[in-house]
Amino acid sequence: MDFVSLFKQDKADRKRGKYLSRLFGIFSEDIVRIWAADEKCHYEDLGRPSIRFEDKTYTLDFTFQHKQSRKVYIVEQKCEIEFQNYKFFILNKKEQLSHHIKAKKAFMAFLEAAKKNIISASNSNSSNFESGYSIGNYSYKMIDGEQLYYTYKDGEKKEVNRVSIPKDILKDFEKSADEYEDKRIKRKNILLGILLVIIIAGILIYFN
């Protein structure tokens, strides 16, 4: 069975595809993080980037740095499998993304960022307990519970004290970190809820 037929089956109830799509969406970002953590991967995951657009801050999904060239890329991931009867499952043309441009400011911010070099290259060490955010020439990381702040100049990264970060950027870092933590807790609770349902269903089946 290939990846497409895992979700889309012509003779199956549509609810099946909807359920599997939503279930996959819960941990789809984790799959990418596991891929990036593999030593054979050509990219290093630097964390979640925060970018400014129309005087607001938007947090996207990934910041990837190519291990050889040290070039940095921001990434926005979409998991639209069953949405509108699998209309966006396989992307063949850019017009399939137009609904994001019209409806979501974060995606517009992502497109604007692609036109500019807003994130400088950096050298960073990965960790199993790491999250990070970048705004302009500043970045923030949480590594194993420790908060670290950096500034960039001519492609070089330098660790700085918290008080060296402008207040408005520091506020954006804290907001982004809170949003990420809320999303992580929500995903964890959903997974625990699914596990609880499976356990209850198993008990009912066993005693009946």
Protein backbone atom coordinates (compact mmCIF):
# COMPACT_ATOMS: atom_id res chain seq x y z
CA MET A 1 0.00 0.00 0.00
CA ASP A 2 1.43 3.41 -0.97
CA PHE A 3 1.05 6.61 1.04
CA VAL A 4 -1.88 7.95 -1.01
CA SER A 5 -4.01 4.80 -0.79
CA LEU A 6 -3.42 4.69 2.95
CA PHE A 7 -5.86 7.60 3.21
CA LYS A 8 -7.77 7.68 -0.08
CA GLN A 9 -9.75 4.58 -0.97
CA ASP A 10 -12.60 4.88 -3.47
CA LYS A 11 -14.83 2.23 -1.88
CA ALA A 12 -14.20 3.27 1.73
CA ASP A 13 -16.41 5.53 3.83
CA ARG A 14 -15.24 9.17 3.56
CA LYS A 15 -15.23 9.38 7.35
CA ARG A 16 -12.33 6.93 7.33
CA GLY A 17 -10.19 9.33 5.31
CA LYS A 18 -11.20 12.28 7.46
CA TYR A 19 -10.30 10.46 10.67
CA LEU A 20 -6.92 9.21 9.42
CA SER A 21 -6.06 12.63 7.99
CA ARG A 22 -6.75 14.40 11.28
CA LEU A 23 -4.90 11.72 13.22
CA PHE A 24 -1.85 12.06 10.95
CA GLY A 25 -1.98 15.84 11.26
CA ILE A 26 -1.49 15.66 15.02
CA PHE A 27 2.08 14.38 14.75
CA SER A 28 2.98 15.30 11.15
CA GLU A 29 5.46 17.96 12.30
CA ASP A 30 7.17 15.44 14.58
CA ILE A 31 7.88 13.24 11.55
CA VAL A 32 9.80 16.10 9.94
CA ARG A 33 11.73 16.77 13.16
CA ILE A 34 12.74 13.11 13.37
CA TRP A 35 13.88 13.27 9.74
CA ALA A 36 15.95 16.40 10.44
CA ALA A 37 17.49 14.81 13.55
CA ASP A 38 18.93 11.94 11.52
CA GLU A 39 22.69 12.37 11.02
CA LYS A 40 22.29 11.52 7.33
CA CYS A 41 19.92 14.44 6.78
CA HIS A 42 21.47 17.33 4.83
CA TYR A 43 19.64 19.88 6.98
CA GLU A 44 19.72 20.87 10.65
CA ASP A 45 16.54 21.95 12.41
CA LEU A 46 17.19 25.28 14.19
CA GLY A 47 13.70 25.60 15.64
CA ARG A 48 10.56 27.60 14.85
CA PRO A 49 11.14 31.01 13.21
CA SER A 50 9.23 34.18 14.07
CA ILE A 51 8.91 36.78 11.33
CA ARG A 52 7.48 40.31 11.22
CA PHE A 53 4.80 41.23 8.71
CA GLU A 54 2.58 44.32 8.75
CA ASP A 55 3.67 45.15 12.33
CA LYS A 56 2.72 41.70 13.62
CA THR A 57 4.77 38.62 14.48
CA TYR A 58 3.99 35.22 13.00
CA THR A 59 5.59 31.94 14.07
CA LEU A 60 6.14 29.35 11.34
CA ASP A 61 7.06 25.68 11.59
CA PHE A 62 10.75 25.15 10.88
CA THR A 63 14.09 26.84 10.31
CA PHE A 64 16.38 24.54 8.32
CA GLN A 65 20.08 25.13 7.79
CA HIS A 66 21.94 23.26 5.07
CA LYS A 67 24.87 21.55 6.76
CA GLN A 68 27.28 22.11 3.88
CA SER A 69 26.40 25.55 2.51
CA ARG A 70 25.15 26.92 5.90
CA LYS A 71 22.26 28.59 4.07
CA VAL A 72 19.14 29.02 6.20
CA TYR A 73 15.56 28.40 5.04
CA ILE A 74 12.28 29.04 6.81
CA VAL A 75 9.58 26.42 6.30
CA GLU A 76 5.81 26.45 6.66
CA GLN A 77 4.28 22.96 6.67
CA LYS A 78 0.73 22.18 5.59
CA CYS A 79 -1.04 18.89 6.18
CA GLU A 80 -4.16 19.03 4.01
CA ILE A 81 -4.78 15.41 3.14
CA GLU A 82 -8.54 14.91 3.00
CA PHE A 83 -9.39 18.64 2.86
CA GLN A 84 -11.97 19.34 0.10
CA ASN A 85 -11.97 15.70 -1.02
CA TYR A 86 -8.16 15.42 -1.34
CA LYS A 87 -7.97 18.48 -3.59
CA PHE A 88 -4.63 19.54 -2.08
CA PHE A 89 -3.20 16.12 -1.22
CA ILE A 90 -0.82 16.12 -4.20
CA LEU A 91 0.45 19.56 -5.23
CA ASN A 92 0.99 20.01 -8.97
CA LYS A 93 0.75 23.79 -9.38
CA LYS A 94 1.17 26.91 -7.27
CA GLU A 95 -2.49 27.85 -7.69
CA GLN A 96 -3.35 25.09 -5.22
CA LEU A 97 -1.92 27.33 -2.48
CA SER A 98 -4.06 30.36 -3.32
CA HIS A 99 -6.57 29.67 -0.53
CA HIS A 100 -3.78 30.18 2.04
CA ILE A 101 -2.79 33.51 0.51
CA LYS A 102 -6.36 34.79 0.72
CA ALA A 103 -7.20 33.50 4.19
CA LYS A 104 -4.03 33.36 6.29
CA LYS A 105 -1.78 36.27 7.19
CA ALA A 106 0.90 33.88 8.43
CA PHE A 107 1.23 32.37 4.97
CA MET A 108 1.43 35.82 3.40
CA ALA A 109 4.20 36.64 5.85
CA PHE A 110 5.95 33.45 4.79
CA LEU A 111 5.78 34.44 1.11
CA GLU A 112 7.11 37.92 1.88
CA ALA A 113 9.97 36.40 3.87
CA ALA A 114 10.89 34.29 0.86
CA LYS A 115 11.57 37.50 -1.06
CA LYS A 116 14.00 38.77 1.57
CA ASN A 117 17.06 37.44 3.37
CA ILE A 118 15.63 37.95 6.85
CA ILE A 119 17.45 35.14 8.67
CA SER A 120 21.24 35.09 8.80
CA ALA A 121 23.26 31.87 8.64
CA SER A 122 24.36 30.46 11.98
CA ASN A 123 26.29 27.59 13.49
CA SER A 124 24.33 25.78 16.17
CA ASN A 125 24.36 22.47 17.96
CA SER A 126 21.20 20.39 18.00
CA SER A 127 19.60 18.92 21.11
CA ASN A 128 16.83 16.47 21.89
CA PHE A 129 15.11 19.19 23.93
CA GLU A 130 15.55 22.26 21.76
CA SER A 131 13.24 24.90 20.38
CA GLY A 132 14.22 28.16 18.73
CA TYR A 133 12.97 31.34 17.11
CA SER A 134 14.63 33.89 14.83
CA ILE A 135 13.73 37.52 14.13
CA GLY A 136 16.04 39.56 11.95
CA ASN A 137 19.54 39.53 13.46
CA TYR A 138 18.43 37.99 16.75
CA SER A 139 17.53 34.46 17.78
CA TYR A 140 16.40 32.65 20.89
CA LYS A 141 16.81 29.02 21.86
CA MET A 142 15.63 26.81 24.66
CA ILE A 143 18.12 23.94 25.04
CA ASP A 144 17.48 21.36 27.75
CA GLY A 145 15.53 23.95 29.75
CA GLU A 146 18.18 26.70 29.43
CA GLN A 147 17.36 29.96 27.64
CA LEU A 148 20.01 31.21 25.21
CA TYR A 149 20.03 34.40 23.13
CA TYR A 150 22.12 35.17 20.04
CA THR A 151 22.87 38.00 17.67
CA TYR A 152 24.21 37.74 14.11
CA LYS A 153 26.69 39.90 12.25
CA ASP A 154 28.20 39.06 8.86
CA GLY A 155 26.94 35.49 9.16
CA GLU A 156 28.60 34.93 12.56
CA LYS A 157 26.54 34.01 15.60
CA LYS A 158 27.40 35.39 19.04
CA GLU A 159 25.73 34.51 22.33
CA VAL A 160 24.51 37.58 24.23
CA ASN A 161 22.80 38.41 27.50
CA ARG A 162 19.02 38.70 27.66
CA VAL A 163 19.27 42.45 28.34
CA SER A 164 21.04 42.89 24.98
CA ILE A 165 17.89 41.90 23.08
CA PRO A 166 15.53 44.79 22.15
CA LYS A 167 12.38 44.73 24.28
CA ASP A 168 9.96 44.42 21.36
CA ILE A 169 11.85 41.42 19.92
CA LEU A 170 12.17 39.84 23.37
CA LYS A 171 8.42 40.16 23.79
CA ASP A 172 7.89 38.41 20.45
CA PHE A 173 10.26 35.60 21.49
CA GLU A 174 8.30 35.03 24.70
CA LYS A 175 4.98 35.03 22.83
CA SER A 176 6.29 32.53 20.28
CA ALA A 177 7.62 30.26 23.04
CA ASP A 178 4.23 30.34 24.80
CA GLU A 179 2.40 29.49 21.56
CA TYR A 180 4.74 26.58 20.91
CA GLU A 181 4.29 25.24 24.45
CA ASP A 182 0.49 25.50 24.22
CA LYS A 183 0.53 23.61 20.91
CA ARG A 184 2.85 20.94 22.34
CA ILE A 185 0.60 20.41 25.38
CA LYS A 186 -2.52 20.28 23.19
CA ARG A 187 -0.94 17.66 20.92
CA LYS A 188 0.12 15.62 23.96
CA ASN A 189 -3.39 15.75 25.45
CA ILE A 190 -4.95 14.64 22.15
CA LEU A 191 -2.59 11.66 21.95
CA LEU A 192 -3.37 10.74 25.56
CA GLY A 193 -7.09 11.02 24.80
CA ILE A 194 -6.75 8.69 21.81
CA LEU A 195 -4.80 6.22 23.94
CA LEU A 196 -7.49 6.36 26.64
CA VAL A 197 -10.22 5.66 24.07
CA ILE A 198 -8.28 2.66 22.76
CA ILE A 199 -7.83 1.29 26.29
CA ILE A 200 -11.53 1.72 27.14
CA ALA A 201 -12.55 0.09 23.85
CA GLY A 202 -10.20 -2.82 24.56
CA ILE A 203 -11.69 -3.30 28.04
CA LEU A 204 -15.24 -3.27 26.69
CA ILE A 205 -14.39 -5.78 23.98
CA TYR A 206 -12.64 -8.06 26.48
CA PHE A 207 -15.53 -8.17 28.96
CA ASN A 208 -18.19 -8.54 26.27
